[in-house]
Amino acid sequence: MRAPRLWQLFLSSVVLLLIVAVIAPHQLGLLVWKLALVCTAGAAGYWFDRWFFPYARPHQLLGPPRRRDAPSDYGRAGDIVVAAAMLRRALIVAAAMIAVSAGL
């Protein structure tokens, strides 16, 4: 069985949380509150993207899977259009997270 994706990031987060708990346990509540706000902002950014662009979702632009012998644009939008939709979504989510983080 493979290790879960991004397990190193999760492990380092737990280690840093334990360090905060040892050094300044009174800050744990604030840390959890800020983490909850940033996570909520990320989810809100995702839903903003879905509301603002209901017909330009990256997974819908992909279309059906390509056959190996088919031309590169068979049954799907151009790769640049799909990449732009994914980048748009990432920027909206990041902007929402940065906006909430700046307010903290």
N, C-alpha and C. Protein backbone atom coordinates (compact mmCIF):
# COMPACT_ATOMS: atom_id res chain seq x y z
N MET A 1 0.84 -1.19 0.00
CA MET A 1 0.00 0.00 0.00
C MET A 1 0.88 1.25 0.00
N ARG A 2 0.51 2.22 -0.84
CA ARG A 2 1.27 3.45 -0.92
C ARG A 2 0.91 4.40 0.22
N ALA A 3 1.86 5.23 0.55
CA ALA A 3 1.59 6.28 1.55
C ALA A 3 0.65 7.30 0.93
N PRO A 4 -0.19 7.93 1.75
CA PRO A 4 -1.10 8.96 1.21
C PRO A 4 -0.31 10.10 0.57
N ARG A 5 -0.97 10.77 -0.37
CA ARG A 5 -0.33 11.91 -1.02
C ARG A 5 -0.09 13.02 -0.01
N LEU A 6 0.99 13.73 -0.18
CA LEU A 6 1.37 14.87 0.66
C LEU A 6 1.55 14.50 2.13
N TRP A 7 1.95 13.28 2.40
CA TRP A 7 2.10 12.87 3.80
C TRP A 7 3.21 13.63 4.49
N GLN A 8 4.24 14.05 3.73
CA GLN A 8 5.32 14.83 4.35
C GLN A 8 4.81 16.18 4.84
N LEU A 9 3.95 16.80 4.06
CA LEU A 9 3.37 18.08 4.46
C LEU A 9 2.51 17.91 5.71
N PHE A 10 1.71 16.86 5.74
CA PHE A 10 0.87 16.60 6.91
C PHE A 10 1.73 16.33 8.14
N LEU A 11 2.78 15.54 7.97
CA LEU A 11 3.66 15.23 9.10
C LEU A 11 4.36 16.49 9.62
N SER A 12 4.84 17.34 8.71
CA SER A 12 5.50 18.56 9.17
C SER A 12 4.50 19.50 9.85
N SER A 13 3.25 19.50 9.40
CA SER A 13 2.23 20.33 10.06
C SER A 13 1.97 19.84 11.48
N VAL A 14 1.90 18.54 11.66
CA VAL A 14 1.68 17.98 13.00
C VAL A 14 2.87 18.30 13.90
N VAL A 15 4.08 18.17 13.38
CA VAL A 15 5.27 18.48 14.18
C VAL A 15 5.27 19.95 14.59
N LEU A 16 4.96 20.85 13.65
CA LEU A 16 4.92 22.27 13.99
C LEU A 16 3.81 22.59 14.99
N LEU A 17 2.68 21.91 14.86
CA LEU A 17 1.59 22.10 15.82
C LEU A 17 2.01 21.64 17.22
N LEU A 18 2.74 20.53 17.29
CA LEU A 18 3.24 20.06 18.59
C LEU A 18 4.26 21.04 19.18
N ILE A 19 5.09 21.63 18.32
CA ILE A 19 6.06 22.62 18.81
C ILE A 19 5.32 23.83 19.38
N VAL A 20 4.28 24.29 18.69
CA VAL A 20 3.49 25.41 19.22
C VAL A 20 2.83 25.01 20.53
N ALA A 21 2.35 23.78 20.62
CA ALA A 21 1.69 23.31 21.85
C ALA A 21 2.66 23.30 23.03
N VAL A 22 3.93 23.01 22.77
CA VAL A 22 4.92 22.98 23.85
C VAL A 22 5.37 24.39 24.21
N ILE A 23 5.65 25.20 23.19
CA ILE A 23 6.19 26.54 23.45
C ILE A 23 5.13 27.51 23.93
N ALA A 24 3.98 27.53 23.27
CA ALA A 24 2.93 28.50 23.60
C ALA A 24 1.56 27.84 23.50
N PRO A 25 1.20 27.04 24.50
CA PRO A 25 -0.07 26.33 24.42
C PRO A 25 -1.30 27.25 24.38
N HIS A 26 -1.16 28.46 24.88
CA HIS A 26 -2.29 29.39 24.87
C HIS A 26 -2.61 29.88 23.46
N GLN A 27 -1.71 29.65 22.50
CA GLN A 27 -1.92 30.09 21.12
C GLN A 27 -2.62 29.04 20.25
N LEU A 28 -2.85 27.85 20.78
CA LEU A 28 -3.44 26.78 19.97
C LEU A 28 -4.84 27.13 19.47
N GLY A 29 -5.64 27.72 20.32
CA GLY A 29 -6.99 28.10 19.91
C GLY A 29 -6.98 29.09 18.76
N LEU A 30 -6.10 30.08 18.85
CA LEU A 30 -5.98 31.08 17.79
C LEU A 30 -5.47 30.44 16.50
N LEU A 31 -4.53 29.53 16.61
CA LEU A 31 -3.99 28.85 15.44
C LEU A 31 -5.06 28.03 14.74
N VAL A 32 -5.85 27.31 15.50
CA VAL A 32 -6.93 26.50 14.92
C VAL A 32 -7.98 27.42 14.29
N TRP A 33 -8.29 28.54 14.93
CA TRP A 33 -9.26 29.49 14.39
C TRP A 33 -8.80 30.05 13.04
N LYS A 34 -7.52 30.45 12.95
CA LYS A 34 -6.99 30.98 11.71
C LYS A 34 -6.97 29.92 10.62
N LEU A 35 -6.61 28.70 10.99
CA LEU A 35 -6.60 27.61 10.02
C LEU A 35 -8.00 27.33 9.49
N ALA A 36 -8.98 27.38 10.37
CA ALA A 36 -10.37 27.17 9.95
C ALA A 36 -10.83 28.28 9.01
N LEU A 37 -10.44 29.52 9.28
CA LEU A 37 -10.82 30.63 8.40
C LEU A 37 -10.20 30.49 7.02
N VAL A 38 -8.93 30.12 6.96
CA VAL A 38 -8.25 29.98 5.68
C VAL A 38 -8.84 28.81 4.89
N CYS A 39 -9.13 27.70 5.55
CA CYS A 39 -9.75 26.56 4.87
C CYS A 39 -11.15 26.90 4.36
N THR A 40 -11.90 27.63 5.15
CA THR A 40 -13.23 28.07 4.73
C THR A 40 -13.13 29.02 3.54
N ALA A 41 -12.14 29.89 3.53
CA ALA A 41 -11.94 30.80 2.41
C ALA A 41 -11.59 30.03 1.14
N GLY A 42 -10.80 28.98 1.26
CA GLY A 42 -10.48 28.15 0.10
C GLY A 42 -11.71 27.49 -0.47
N ALA A 43 -12.56 26.96 0.39
CA ALA A 43 -13.81 26.34 -0.07
C ALA A 43 -14.73 27.39 -0.69
N ALA A 44 -14.79 28.57 -0.09
CA ALA A 44 -15.63 29.64 -0.64
C ALA A 44 -15.12 30.07 -2.02
N GLY A 45 -13.81 30.16 -2.18
CA GLY A 45 -13.24 30.51 -3.48
C GLY A 45 -13.58 29.48 -4.54
N TYR A 46 -13.55 28.21 -4.18
CA TYR A 46 -13.92 27.15 -5.11
C TYR A 46 -15.38 27.30 -5.54
N TRP A 47 -16.25 27.57 -4.58
CA TRP A 47 -17.67 27.72 -4.92
C TRP A 47 -17.94 29.01 -5.69
N PHE A 48 -17.18 30.07 -5.42
CA PHE A 48 -17.31 31.29 -6.22
C PHE A 48 -16.98 30.98 -7.68
N ASP A 49 -15.92 30.22 -7.89
CA ASP A 49 -15.56 29.87 -9.26
C ASP A 49 -16.68 29.06 -9.93
N ARG A 50 -17.26 28.15 -9.21
CA ARG A 50 -18.35 27.34 -9.79
C ARG A 50 -19.57 28.21 -10.10
N TRP A 51 -19.86 29.19 -9.24
CA TRP A 51 -21.03 30.07 -9.47
C TRP A 51 -20.78 31.04 -10.61
N PHE A 52 -19.58 31.61 -10.67
CA PHE A 52 -19.30 32.63 -11.67
C PHE A 52 -19.09 32.04 -13.06
N PHE A 53 -18.61 30.82 -13.15
CA PHE A 53 -18.31 30.18 -14.43
C PHE A 53 -18.96 28.80 -14.50
N PRO A 54 -20.29 28.74 -14.53
CA PRO A 54 -20.94 27.43 -14.48
C PRO A 54 -20.72 26.58 -15.73
N TYR A 55 -20.39 27.19 -16.85
CA TYR A 55 -20.21 26.43 -18.10
C TYR A 55 -18.75 26.32 -18.51
N ALA A 56 -17.85 26.68 -17.64
CA ALA A 56 -16.43 26.62 -17.97
C ALA A 56 -15.65 25.90 -16.87
N ARG A 57 -16.20 24.80 -16.41
CA ARG A 57 -15.51 24.01 -15.40
C ARG A 57 -14.45 23.16 -16.07
N PRO A 58 -13.27 23.07 -15.46
CA PRO A 58 -12.17 22.35 -16.12
C PRO A 58 -12.53 20.91 -16.50
N HIS A 59 -13.21 20.18 -15.63
CA HIS A 59 -13.50 18.78 -15.96
C HIS A 59 -14.52 18.66 -17.09
N GLN A 60 -15.38 19.66 -17.26
CA GLN A 60 -16.33 19.61 -18.36
C GLN A 60 -15.67 19.98 -19.68
N LEU A 61 -14.65 20.78 -19.64
CA LEU A 61 -13.95 21.15 -20.87
C LEU A 61 -13.14 20.00 -21.44
N LEU A 62 -12.79 19.05 -20.61
CA LEU A 62 -11.99 17.93 -21.09
C LEU A 62 -12.76 17.04 -22.06
N GLY A 63 -14.04 16.84 -21.83
CA GLY A 63 -14.83 15.98 -22.70
C GLY A 63 -14.50 14.51 -22.49
N PRO A 64 -14.92 13.66 -23.42
CA PRO A 64 -14.65 12.24 -23.28
C PRO A 64 -13.16 11.95 -23.48
N PRO A 65 -12.70 10.84 -22.94
CA PRO A 65 -11.27 10.50 -23.10
C PRO A 65 -10.92 10.30 -24.57
N ARG A 66 -9.71 10.63 -24.91
CA ARG A 66 -9.24 10.49 -26.29
C ARG A 66 -8.85 9.05 -26.60
N ARG A 67 -9.02 8.69 -27.86
CA ARG A 67 -8.46 7.42 -28.33
C ARG A 67 -7.00 7.67 -28.65
N ARG A 68 -6.23 6.62 -28.65
CA ARG A 68 -4.80 6.79 -28.92
C ARG A 68 -4.52 7.23 -30.36
N ASP A 69 -5.34 6.77 -31.29
CA ASP A 69 -5.09 7.10 -32.69
C ASP A 69 -5.83 8.36 -33.14
N ALA A 70 -6.51 9.05 -32.22
CA ALA A 70 -7.29 10.23 -32.57
C ALA A 70 -6.39 11.47 -32.60
N PRO A 71 -6.79 12.49 -33.35
CA PRO A 71 -6.03 13.75 -33.32
C PRO A 71 -6.06 14.35 -31.91
N SER A 72 -5.17 15.28 -31.66
CA SER A 72 -5.03 15.82 -30.30
C SER A 72 -6.25 16.59 -29.82
N ASP A 73 -7.06 17.14 -30.73
CA ASP A 73 -8.21 17.93 -30.30
C ASP A 73 -9.52 17.16 -30.44
N TYR A 74 -9.47 15.86 -30.53
CA TYR A 74 -10.67 15.05 -30.72
C TYR A 74 -11.55 15.07 -29.48
N GLY A 75 -12.76 15.62 -29.59
CA GLY A 75 -13.74 15.55 -28.52
C GLY A 75 -13.45 16.37 -27.30
N ARG A 76 -12.58 17.32 -27.36
CA ARG A 76 -12.27 18.12 -26.17
C ARG A 76 -11.80 19.51 -26.58
N ALA A 77 -11.89 20.41 -25.64
CA ALA A 77 -11.41 21.77 -25.91
C ALA A 77 -9.89 21.73 -26.01
N GLY A 78 -9.34 22.78 -26.55
CA GLY A 78 -7.90 22.84 -26.66
C GLY A 78 -7.25 22.77 -25.29
N ASP A 79 -6.04 22.25 -25.27
CA ASP A 79 -5.32 22.12 -23.99
C ASP A 79 -5.11 23.47 -23.32
N ILE A 80 -4.97 24.53 -24.11
CA ILE A 80 -4.78 25.86 -23.53
C ILE A 80 -6.04 26.32 -22.82
N VAL A 81 -7.20 26.00 -23.36
CA VAL A 81 -8.47 26.40 -22.74
C VAL A 81 -8.64 25.68 -21.40
N VAL A 82 -8.33 24.40 -21.37
CA VAL A 82 -8.44 23.63 -20.12
C VAL A 82 -7.44 24.16 -19.09
N ALA A 83 -6.22 24.43 -19.53
CA ALA A 83 -5.21 24.96 -18.61
C ALA A 83 -5.63 26.33 -18.08
N ALA A 84 -6.23 27.15 -18.93
CA ALA A 84 -6.69 28.47 -18.49
C ALA A 84 -7.81 28.35 -17.47
N ALA A 85 -8.71 27.38 -17.66
CA ALA A 85 -9.80 27.19 -16.69
C ALA A 85 -9.25 26.73 -15.35
N MET A 86 -8.26 25.85 -15.38
CA MET A 86 -7.67 25.39 -14.12
C MET A 86 -6.91 26.52 -13.43
N LEU A 87 -6.20 27.32 -14.22
CA LEU A 87 -5.47 28.45 -13.65
C LEU A 87 -6.43 29.49 -13.09
N ARG A 88 -7.54 29.74 -13.79
CA ARG A 88 -8.55 30.67 -13.30
C ARG A 88 -9.07 30.22 -11.94
N ARG A 89 -9.40 28.94 -11.83
CA ARG A 89 -9.92 28.42 -10.57
C ARG A 89 -8.89 28.55 -9.46
N ALA A 90 -7.63 28.22 -9.76
CA ALA A 90 -6.58 28.33 -8.75
C ALA A 90 -6.39 29.77 -8.29
N LEU A 91 -6.47 30.71 -9.22
CA LEU A 91 -6.31 32.12 -8.85
C LEU A 91 -7.47 32.63 -8.01
N ILE A 92 -8.68 32.20 -8.32
CA ILE A 92 -9.84 32.63 -7.53
C ILE A 92 -9.75 32.07 -6.11
N VAL A 93 -9.39 30.80 -5.99
CA VAL A 93 -9.25 30.19 -4.66
C VAL A 93 -8.12 30.88 -3.89
N ALA A 94 -6.99 31.10 -4.55
CA ALA A 94 -5.87 31.76 -3.89
C ALA A 94 -6.22 33.18 -3.46
N ALA A 95 -6.94 33.90 -4.31
CA ALA A 95 -7.33 35.27 -3.97
C ALA A 95 -8.25 35.29 -2.75
N ALA A 96 -9.17 34.33 -2.68
CA ALA A 96 -10.07 34.28 -1.52
C ALA A 96 -9.27 33.97 -0.25
N MET A 97 -8.32 33.04 -0.35
CA MET A 97 -7.52 32.69 0.82
C MET A 97 -6.63 33.84 1.26
N ILE A 98 -6.04 34.55 0.29
CA ILE A 98 -5.18 35.69 0.62
C ILE A 98 -6.00 36.82 1.22
N ALA A 99 -7.21 37.05 0.69
CA ALA A 99 -8.06 38.11 1.22
C ALA A 99 -8.42 37.84 2.68
N VAL A 100 -8.75 36.62 3.01
CA VAL A 100 -9.09 36.29 4.40
C VAL A 100 -7.82 36.37 5.26
N SER A 101 -6.71 35.87 4.74
CA SER A 101 -5.46 35.90 5.51
C SER A 101 -5.00 37.33 5.77
N ALA A 102 -5.20 38.22 4.83
CA ALA A 102 -4.80 39.61 5.02
C ALA A 102 -5.64 40.27 6.10
N GLY A 103 -6.86 39.81 6.27
CA GLY A 103 -7.72 40.35 7.30
C GLY A 103 -7.41 39.83 8.69
N LEU A 104 -6.58 38.80 8.77
CA LEU A 104 -6.23 38.26 10.09
C LEU A 104 -5.14 39.12 10.67
